[in-house]
Amino acid sequence: MKPTNLTAELVLVTPEIAKNWLRFNTGNRKLDQKNLAKLSNQIKSNLFLENGESIVFDRNQELKNGQHRLKAISINNKSFWLVVVRGVEPTAMSTFDTGKNRTAADVLKLNGFNQSGAIASLIQSINKHSFKRIRSSNSFKSDYTNMTNFEVLEYAKDNYDWLIDIVNNTHTIMAKTPIKVITKSYLSFIIYMIGGETPSKECYQFAKHLVGAVKTESSAPLYLYNKLYNSKINKEPLNNYYVLGIAIKSWNYYIDGNPAVRFVKFDVSSPLPIIKK
């Protein structure tokens, strides 16, 4: 067996210890403020997990990995048990963070969820819409960040029944369309926005119109389908917020008898239309 100078120990890292270790952070990459804010929010929300990821020092006692976690601990006055590895070669930093990070979909799949990718995308879309709605109704300004993998997992556990129902129904609808003019995940989100957690049969029937599985000439849903179709053929993606706004307007026409229309307008600088029930 090849000898090694590496050591590993489990340490209760207090804010004071974290501040002290950061003094040895001389050759690391620049601190990423968004990553730091994310970790700080996890700590404040009791979502920071002691997951075995290590703090790493080289054989010259210089910090090589873990600066963001240490900084977050130091400014949030909380202590955590962390694995500390010492004695790596100074050049070892070039091999850090080269693997593919686990996505929320990966985490859901590892925890036994079916349709993990579609469910993860739907959850993130719902969260992003909720964030925009809250920000628009308040004076505070803040950048949006995706939910953490742990937050997605907890949301999926609490809401799996209706999430999988929407995703499965969307999958069935999309399977019947020869040309995919919209992603399955975004169609799921539109269905959720219009029908909530328990969409009606009428809502799912409307979704068939949006993807061209059912067509009614000169109707608002067909107007949107044609927009989506032309966007795909011409490789000119439409703004998702615009698509959502037109979809809601088309739904409102649809439940009012689906009358003939020449066009449907929506300004992306405007709030979303009120959804008729």
Protein backbone atom coordinates (compact mmCIF):
# COMPACT_ATOMS: atom_id res chain seq x y z
CA MET A 1 0.00 0.00 0.00
CA LYS A 2 1.30 3.45 -0.95
CA PRO A 3 2.13 5.59 2.13
CA THR A 4 0.32 8.91 2.56
CA ASN A 5 0.77 12.11 4.51
CA LEU A 6 -2.96 12.82 4.49
CA THR A 7 -4.87 13.05 7.76
CA ALA A 8 -8.59 13.43 8.31
CA GLU A 9 -10.53 14.38 11.43
CA LEU A 10 -14.00 15.47 12.40
CA VAL A 11 -13.95 18.99 13.89
CA LEU A 12 -16.66 21.13 15.45
CA VAL A 13 -15.97 24.30 13.49
CA THR A 14 -17.03 27.36 15.47
CA PRO A 15 -17.16 30.90 14.03
CA GLU A 16 -13.88 31.65 15.79
CA ILE A 17 -12.16 28.60 14.29
CA ALA A 18 -13.57 29.46 10.86
CA LYS A 19 -12.19 33.02 11.07
CA ASN A 20 -8.79 31.70 12.12
CA TRP A 21 -8.61 29.15 9.28
CA LEU A 22 -9.57 31.82 6.74
CA ARG A 23 -6.25 33.53 7.54
CA PHE A 24 -4.62 30.70 5.59
CA ASN A 25 -6.78 31.32 2.53
CA THR A 26 -4.00 32.94 0.50
CA GLY A 27 -4.11 31.30 -2.93
CA ASN A 28 -7.76 30.38 -3.32
CA ARG A 29 -10.20 31.67 -5.93
CA LYS A 30 -12.07 34.93 -5.33
CA LEU A 31 -14.99 34.62 -2.94
CA ASP A 32 -18.26 34.15 -4.85
CA GLN A 33 -20.80 36.42 -3.16
CA LYS A 34 -23.81 34.56 -4.60
CA ASN A 35 -22.50 31.24 -3.31
CA LEU A 36 -21.79 32.84 0.08
CA ALA A 37 -25.32 34.29 0.22
CA LYS A 38 -26.79 30.90 -0.64
CA LEU A 39 -24.88 29.15 2.13
CA SER A 40 -25.77 31.91 4.60
CA ASN A 41 -29.45 31.53 3.76
CA GLN A 42 -29.18 27.78 4.29
CA ILE A 43 -27.62 28.33 7.72
CA LYS A 44 -30.26 30.90 8.74
CA SER A 45 -33.04 28.58 7.57
CA ASN A 46 -31.53 25.52 9.30
CA LEU A 47 -31.04 23.89 5.89
CA PHE A 48 -27.25 23.65 6.00
CA LEU A 49 -26.39 19.95 6.13
CA GLU A 50 -23.31 18.33 7.63
CA ASN A 51 -22.90 16.22 4.49
CA GLY A 52 -19.31 15.02 4.83
CA GLU A 53 -17.85 17.49 2.35
CA SER A 54 -14.39 18.33 3.64
CA ILE A 55 -12.33 21.40 4.45
CA VAL A 56 -8.90 20.86 2.85
CA PHE A 57 -5.45 22.18 3.80
CA ASP A 58 -2.27 21.43 1.89
CA ARG A 59 1.01 20.30 3.47
CA ASN A 60 1.99 23.98 3.84
CA GLN A 61 -1.16 24.58 5.93
CA GLU A 62 -2.76 26.72 3.19
CA LEU A 63 -6.53 26.43 2.79
CA LYS A 64 -7.35 24.72 -0.50
CA ASN A 65 -11.07 23.98 -0.28
CA GLY A 66 -13.95 25.22 1.88
CA GLN A 67 -13.56 29.01 1.98
CA HIS A 68 -17.25 29.68 1.31
CA ARG A 69 -18.43 27.33 4.05
CA LEU A 70 -15.96 28.78 6.53
CA LYS A 71 -16.91 32.35 5.67
CA ALA A 72 -20.64 31.54 6.01
CA ILE A 73 -20.04 29.94 9.42
CA SER A 74 -17.93 32.89 10.58
CA ILE A 75 -20.58 35.51 9.78
CA ASN A 76 -23.64 33.57 10.98
CA ASN A 77 -22.43 32.66 14.47
CA LYS A 78 -23.22 28.95 14.23
CA SER A 79 -21.03 25.88 14.59
CA PHE A 80 -21.00 22.72 12.48
CA TRP A 81 -19.19 19.39 12.45
CA LEU A 82 -16.98 19.26 9.37
CA VAL A 83 -14.45 16.78 8.04
CA VAL A 84 -11.00 18.39 7.85
CA VAL A 85 -8.33 16.89 5.58
CA ARG A 86 -4.70 18.01 5.87
CA GLY A 87 -1.55 17.28 3.92
CA VAL A 88 -2.64 17.39 0.27
CA GLU A 89 -0.15 18.52 -2.36
CA PRO A 90 -0.26 22.27 -3.09
CA THR A 91 -1.13 21.49 -6.73
CA ALA A 92 -4.19 19.44 -5.70
CA MET A 93 -6.53 22.42 -6.15
CA SER A 94 -6.49 21.86 -9.91
CA THR A 95 -8.43 18.63 -9.35
CA PHE A 96 -11.18 20.15 -7.15
CA ASP A 97 -14.71 20.78 -8.45
CA THR A 98 -14.06 19.02 -11.78
CA GLY A 99 -16.81 16.45 -11.32
CA LYS A 100 -20.40 16.99 -12.43
CA ASN A 101 -22.48 18.45 -9.61
CA ARG A 102 -25.65 16.60 -8.69
CA THR A 103 -28.77 18.31 -9.96
CA ALA A 104 -32.09 18.47 -8.16
CA ALA A 105 -33.33 15.84 -10.62
CA ASP A 106 -30.43 13.57 -9.63
CA VAL A 107 -31.30 13.95 -5.95
CA LEU A 108 -34.98 13.16 -6.56
CA LYS A 109 -34.06 10.08 -8.58
CA LEU A 110 -31.69 8.88 -5.85
CA ASN A 111 -34.58 9.21 -3.40
CA GLY A 112 -36.88 7.05 -5.53
CA PHE A 113 -39.01 9.66 -7.29
CA ASN A 114 -40.39 8.84 -10.73
CA GLN A 115 -40.23 11.52 -13.45
CA SER A 116 -37.53 13.22 -11.37
CA GLY A 117 -36.39 15.65 -14.07
CA ALA A 118 -39.88 16.89 -14.90
CA ILE A 119 -40.83 17.22 -11.23
CA ALA A 120 -37.65 19.13 -10.37
CA SER A 121 -38.21 21.55 -13.27
CA LEU A 122 -41.84 22.09 -12.29
CA ILE A 123 -40.89 22.83 -8.68
CA GLN A 124 -38.22 25.33 -9.73
CA SER A 125 -40.66 27.06 -12.11
CA ILE A 126 -43.29 27.35 -9.37
CA ASN A 127 -40.72 28.76 -6.96
CA LYS A 128 -39.43 31.28 -9.52
CA HIS A 129 -42.94 32.51 -10.25
CA SER A 130 -43.70 32.84 -6.54
CA PHE A 131 -40.49 34.85 -6.04
CA LYS A 132 -41.36 37.25 -8.87
CA ARG A 133 -44.89 37.70 -7.54
CA ILE A 134 -43.64 38.50 -4.03
CA ARG A 135 -40.96 40.86 -5.28
CA SER A 136 -43.39 42.74 -7.51
CA SER A 137 -45.77 43.30 -4.56
CA ASN A 138 -43.03 44.58 -2.23
CA SER A 139 -40.37 47.24 -2.35
CA PHE A 140 -37.41 44.95 -1.69
CA LYS A 141 -35.00 44.05 -4.46
CA SER A 142 -33.21 40.73 -4.50
CA ASP A 143 -31.70 38.42 -7.09
CA TYR A 144 -33.50 35.15 -7.68
CA THR A 145 -31.65 31.96 -6.84
CA ASN A 146 -32.83 28.44 -7.56
CA MET A 147 -34.00 26.30 -4.70
CA THR A 148 -31.29 24.10 -3.25
CA ASN A 149 -31.41 20.38 -3.99
CA PHE A 150 -32.48 19.77 -0.40
CA GLU A 151 -35.33 22.31 -0.68
CA VAL A 152 -36.52 20.69 -3.93
CA LEU A 153 -36.45 17.28 -2.26
CA GLU A 154 -38.47 18.47 0.75
CA TYR A 155 -41.02 20.20 -1.52
CA ALA A 156 -41.35 17.03 -3.61
CA LYS A 157 -41.90 14.91 -0.50
CA ASP A 158 -44.65 17.24 0.73
CA ASN A 159 -46.41 17.62 -2.64
CA TYR A 160 -45.59 14.49 -4.62
CA ASP A 161 -49.16 13.30 -5.31
CA TRP A 162 -50.30 16.35 -7.24
CA LEU A 163 -46.87 16.98 -8.81
CA ILE A 164 -46.70 13.49 -10.33
CA ASP A 165 -50.32 13.72 -11.45
CA ILE A 166 -49.63 16.91 -13.44
CA VAL A 167 -46.36 15.54 -14.85
CA ASN A 168 -47.89 12.21 -15.88
CA ASN A 169 -50.86 13.86 -17.56
CA THR A 170 -48.52 16.25 -19.37
CA HIS A 171 -46.41 13.30 -20.52
CA THR A 172 -49.51 11.60 -21.95
CA ILE A 173 -50.50 14.77 -23.81
CA MET A 174 -47.01 15.32 -25.22
CA ALA A 175 -46.73 11.69 -26.35
CA LYS A 176 -49.54 12.29 -28.83
CA THR A 177 -47.90 15.28 -30.53
CA PRO A 178 -45.56 14.61 -33.48
CA ILE A 179 -43.84 18.02 -33.19
CA LYS A 180 -42.81 19.18 -29.69
CA VAL A 181 -43.43 22.93 -29.84
CA ILE A 182 -42.99 23.38 -26.07
CA THR A 183 -41.05 21.52 -23.41
CA LYS A 184 -42.87 19.08 -21.19
CA SER A 185 -41.68 20.92 -18.09
CA TYR A 186 -43.04 24.28 -19.23
CA LEU A 187 -46.34 22.82 -20.35
CA SER A 188 -46.62 21.28 -16.87
CA PHE A 189 -46.04 24.72 -15.39
CA ILE A 190 -48.70 26.33 -17.61
CA ILE A 191 -51.17 23.62 -16.56
CA TYR A 192 -50.31 24.29 -12.91
CA MET A 193 -50.69 28.06 -13.34
CA ILE A 194 -54.13 27.68 -14.90
CA GLY A 195 -55.47 24.73 -12.93
CA GLY A 196 -53.56 24.83 -9.66
CA GLU A 197 -52.67 21.63 -7.82
CA THR A 198 -55.73 19.78 -9.14
CA PRO A 199 -56.30 20.79 -12.77
CA SER A 200 -59.69 19.97 -14.24
CA LYS A 201 -60.28 17.75 -17.27
CA GLU A 202 -61.07 20.94 -19.17
CA CYS A 203 -57.63 22.30 -18.29
CA TYR A 204 -55.92 19.20 -19.67
CA GLN A 205 -58.08 19.35 -22.77
CA PHE A 206 -56.97 22.95 -23.25
CA ALA A 207 -53.34 21.81 -22.98
CA LYS A 208 -53.96 19.47 -25.93
CA HIS A 209 -54.88 22.53 -27.99
CA LEU A 210 -51.64 24.30 -27.02
CA VAL A 211 -49.49 21.48 -28.39
CA GLY A 212 -51.56 20.89 -31.52
CA ALA A 213 -53.03 17.52 -30.51
CA VAL A 214 -56.45 19.16 -30.94
CA LYS A 215 -57.05 22.14 -33.22
CA THR A 216 -59.94 24.58 -33.49
CA GLU A 217 -59.60 26.94 -36.42
CA SER A 218 -59.17 30.66 -35.66
CA SER A 219 -59.12 30.02 -31.91
CA ALA A 220 -56.81 31.63 -29.34
CA PRO A 221 -55.16 28.30 -28.42
CA LEU A 222 -54.40 27.67 -32.10
CA TYR A 223 -52.93 31.18 -32.34
CA LEU A 224 -50.48 30.30 -29.57
CA TYR A 225 -49.73 26.89 -31.07
CA ASN A 226 -48.85 28.55 -34.39
CA LYS A 227 -46.60 31.01 -32.56
CA LEU A 228 -44.82 28.14 -30.82
CA TYR A 229 -44.59 26.12 -34.04
CA ASN A 230 -43.09 29.01 -36.03
CA SER A 231 -40.68 29.71 -33.16
CA LYS A 232 -39.43 26.13 -33.27
CA ILE A 233 -39.17 25.93 -37.06
CA ASN A 234 -37.38 29.29 -37.32
CA LYS A 235 -35.24 28.60 -34.24
CA GLU A 236 -36.33 31.87 -32.65
CA PRO A 237 -37.23 31.07 -29.02
CA LEU A 238 -40.14 32.93 -27.46
CA ASN A 239 -39.91 34.57 -24.06
CA ASN A 240 -41.39 32.15 -21.50
CA TYR A 241 -43.23 34.94 -19.69
CA TYR A 242 -44.80 35.98 -23.01
CA VAL A 243 -45.86 32.37 -23.68
CA LEU A 244 -47.41 32.15 -20.20
CA GLY A 245 -49.28 35.43 -20.66
CA ILE A 246 -50.69 34.38 -24.05
CA ALA A 247 -51.55 30.93 -22.64
CA ILE A 248 -53.59 32.49 -19.81
CA LYS A 249 -55.39 34.81 -22.24
CA SER A 250 -56.06 31.85 -24.53
CA TRP A 251 -57.46 29.87 -21.59
CA ASN A 252 -59.80 32.73 -20.73
CA TYR A 253 -61.08 32.71 -24.32
CA TYR A 254 -61.29 28.92 -24.26
CA ILE A 255 -63.58 28.66 -21.23
CA ASP A 256 -65.73 31.49 -22.60
CA GLY A 257 -66.67 29.31 -25.56
CA ASN A 258 -63.41 29.41 -27.52
CA PRO A 259 -64.57 32.08 -30.00
CA ALA A 260 -62.73 32.92 -33.19
CA VAL A 261 -59.97 35.51 -32.77
CA ARG A 262 -57.52 37.07 -35.18
CA PHE A 263 -54.69 37.48 -32.67
CA VAL A 264 -53.88 37.54 -28.96
CA LYS A 265 -51.68 40.25 -27.46
CA PHE A 266 -49.62 40.30 -24.29
CA ASP A 267 -46.99 42.82 -23.19
CA VAL A 268 -44.17 41.21 -21.20
CA SER A 269 -43.83 44.40 -19.13
CA SER A 270 -47.39 43.89 -17.84
CA PRO A 271 -48.59 41.70 -14.97
CA LEU A 272 -50.02 38.33 -15.92
CA PRO A 273 -53.74 38.33 -16.81
CA ILE A 274 -56.22 37.22 -14.17
CA ILE A 275 -57.06 33.57 -14.72
CA LYS A 276 -60.75 32.82 -15.14
CA LYS A 277 -62.13 29.82 -13.29
